[in-house]
Amino acid sequence: MIEEQAKKQTKPREWKTKLINALFEADGKGGYVMKPSKAVFESHKEAYHKRYGTDEKEGMQKTVFLYKVFHGNEQGLERAIQEGGVVQWIEDGLEMCAFRRVSAGVEKSALQAHKVSSGGTWGRTEETPATPPPPPSTNLVR
């Protein structure tokens, strides 16, 4: 992480020297002591839960709907219309059919980030977030 950050500087060696000097101070006995109050490396994790939901109707021309959803079973389509599982209407002179599709769930994600900073004006910061998972897919019965 330090090497990557140093490569971005105009003077990488000088940047590393300043970073080390910011982290340590002479103890007066010929040694060095780390200054923990100078936070140079930060790491944090963040988790969240996001609730989502959709309620929509997917519709198409009745003949297409018959073969795409009911595989040509006219009796099955008519029964679904009578029971309310499929709605039927006329639009632009065409018979249309649709069914209701509902999805709900919780998206869980975690973010892990690392940051290098100097606490002063000479350093830059770099964050590396984790890739969140893709949203779950909706399964349809066809």
Protein backbone atom coordinates (compact mmCIF):
# COMPACT_ATOMS: atom_id res chain seq x y z
CA MET A 1 0.00 0.00 0.00
CA ILE A 2 2.84 2.40 0.82
CA GLU A 3 4.66 1.52 -2.41
CA GLU A 4 1.55 2.19 -4.49
CA GLN A 5 1.01 5.55 -2.79
CA ALA A 6 4.69 6.48 -3.20
CA LYS A 7 4.56 5.80 -6.96
CA LYS A 8 1.91 8.51 -7.27
CA GLN A 9 4.23 11.16 -5.80
CA THR A 10 6.59 13.32 -7.82
CA LYS A 11 9.42 12.42 -5.40
CA PRO A 12 8.64 8.92 -4.04
CA ARG A 13 11.73 8.58 -1.84
CA GLU A 14 11.20 11.97 -0.22
CA TRP A 15 7.55 11.10 0.42
CA LYS A 16 8.53 7.84 2.18
CA THR A 17 11.10 9.68 4.31
CA LYS A 18 8.53 12.23 5.43
CA LEU A 19 6.07 9.44 6.21
CA ILE A 20 8.60 7.63 8.42
CA ASN A 21 9.64 10.88 10.12
CA ALA A 22 5.99 11.61 10.87
CA LEU A 23 5.57 8.20 12.52
CA PHE A 24 8.66 8.13 14.74
CA GLU A 25 10.55 10.53 16.99
CA ALA A 26 13.92 10.23 18.68
CA ASP A 27 13.68 9.16 22.32
CA GLY A 28 16.93 10.86 23.37
CA LYS A 29 18.66 7.53 24.08
CA GLY A 30 19.70 6.83 20.51
CA GLY A 31 16.44 5.04 19.64
CA TYR A 32 13.12 5.93 18.14
CA VAL A 33 9.58 5.71 19.51
CA MET A 34 6.49 5.40 17.39
CA LYS A 35 3.99 8.23 17.80
CA PRO A 36 0.62 6.48 18.01
CA SER A 37 -1.21 9.81 18.04
CA LYS A 38 -0.14 10.29 14.39
CA ALA A 39 -2.57 7.96 12.69
CA VAL A 40 -1.17 7.26 9.26
CA PHE A 41 -2.91 4.01 8.48
CA GLU A 42 -6.63 3.77 8.92
CA SER A 43 -8.82 0.79 8.29
CA HIS A 44 -12.54 0.53 8.75
CA LYS A 45 -15.39 -1.76 7.91
CA GLU A 46 -18.93 -0.75 7.27
CA ALA A 47 -21.90 -3.05 6.94
CA TYR A 48 -25.40 -2.10 5.93
CA HIS A 49 -28.74 -3.67 5.22
CA LYS A 50 -30.97 -2.14 2.59
CA ARG A 51 -34.56 -3.24 2.22
CA TYR A 52 -35.98 -3.17 -1.27
CA GLY A 53 -39.20 -4.10 -2.98
CA THR A 54 -40.91 -3.84 -6.32
CA ASP A 55 -44.52 -4.27 -7.30
CA GLU A 56 -45.05 -4.17 -11.06
CA LYS A 57 -47.06 -5.66 -13.86
CA GLU A 58 -45.49 -7.21 -16.92
CA GLY A 59 -47.84 -7.11 -19.85
CA MET A 60 -47.88 -7.92 -23.53
CA GLN A 61 -50.27 -8.65 -26.39
CA LYS A 62 -52.59 -11.53 -25.45
CA THR A 63 -51.39 -13.98 -28.14
CA VAL A 64 -47.74 -13.41 -27.25
CA PHE A 65 -48.61 -13.71 -23.54
CA LEU A 66 -50.48 -16.97 -24.22
CA TYR A 67 -47.47 -18.67 -25.80
CA LYS A 68 -44.70 -17.03 -23.79
CA VAL A 69 -46.20 -17.50 -20.33
CA PHE A 70 -48.77 -20.29 -20.74
CA HIS A 71 -47.02 -22.18 -23.57
CA GLY A 72 -50.17 -22.16 -25.71
CA ASN A 73 -52.51 -23.47 -22.96
CA GLU A 74 -55.63 -21.35 -23.68
CA GLN A 75 -57.66 -22.98 -20.89
CA GLY A 76 -54.95 -22.18 -18.37
CA LEU A 77 -54.85 -18.53 -19.49
CA GLU A 78 -58.64 -18.16 -19.37
CA ARG A 79 -58.74 -19.71 -15.88
CA ALA A 80 -55.98 -17.34 -14.68
CA ILE A 81 -57.97 -14.37 -16.06
CA GLN A 82 -61.16 -15.56 -14.30
CA GLU A 83 -59.34 -16.07 -10.98
CA GLY A 84 -57.60 -12.68 -11.16
CA GLY A 85 -54.03 -13.89 -11.50
CA VAL A 86 -53.88 -12.34 -14.97
CA VAL A 87 -55.52 -9.05 -15.95
CA GLN A 88 -56.80 -8.36 -19.45
CA TRP A 89 -57.52 -5.03 -21.17
CA ILE A 90 -57.66 -3.45 -24.62
CA GLU A 91 -55.03 -0.92 -25.63
CA ASP A 92 -54.76 0.60 -29.12
CA GLY A 93 -57.23 -2.01 -30.39
CA LEU A 94 -55.13 -4.97 -29.11
CA GLU A 95 -56.05 -7.37 -26.33
CA MET A 96 -53.33 -7.17 -23.66
CA CYS A 97 -52.61 -9.42 -20.68
CA ALA A 98 -50.38 -8.94 -17.65
CA PHE A 99 -49.52 -10.53 -14.35
CA ARG A 100 -48.35 -8.97 -11.12
CA ARG A 101 -44.76 -9.50 -10.11
CA VAL A 102 -43.64 -8.68 -6.58
CA SER A 103 -40.16 -8.95 -5.15
CA ALA A 104 -38.92 -7.99 -1.71
CA GLY A 105 -35.80 -8.61 0.25
CA VAL A 106 -32.83 -7.26 2.12
CA GLU A 107 -29.56 -6.44 0.41
CA LYS A 108 -26.61 -7.04 2.71
CA SER A 109 -23.26 -5.56 1.93
CA ALA A 110 -19.95 -4.85 3.60
CA LEU A 111 -17.41 -2.21 2.74
CA GLN A 112 -13.81 -2.49 3.81
CA ALA A 113 -11.54 0.48 3.16
CA HIS A 114 -7.88 1.20 3.79
CA LYS A 115 -6.46 4.67 3.83
CA VAL A 116 -2.90 6.00 3.88
CA SER A 117 -2.61 9.57 5.01
CA SER A 118 -0.02 11.79 6.57
CA GLY A 119 -2.21 13.93 8.72
CA GLY A 120 -0.38 16.86 7.08
CA THR A 121 -0.47 18.62 3.76
CA TRP A 122 2.22 16.60 1.96
CA GLY A 123 0.40 13.25 1.72
CA ARG A 124 -2.46 12.03 -0.34
CA THR A 125 -5.08 9.50 0.57
CA GLU A 126 -6.09 6.31 -1.17
CA GLU A 127 -9.22 4.30 -0.49
CA THR A 128 -9.82 0.76 -1.68
CA PRO A 129 -13.50 -0.18 -1.25
CA ALA A 130 -14.71 -3.76 -1.48
CA THR A 131 -17.01 -4.62 -4.38
CA PRO A 132 -20.62 -4.95 -3.16
CA PRO A 133 -22.49 -8.09 -4.19
CA PRO A 134 -24.96 -7.87 -7.08
CA PRO A 135 -28.65 -7.55 -6.14
CA PRO A 136 -30.56 -10.84 -5.96
CA SER A 137 -32.42 -11.92 -9.09
CA THR A 138 -36.17 -12.34 -9.30
CA ASN A 139 -37.32 -15.83 -10.29
CA LEU A 140 -40.46 -16.01 -12.39
CA VAL A 141 -42.61 -19.06 -12.90
CA ARG A 142 -43.13 -19.58 -16.59
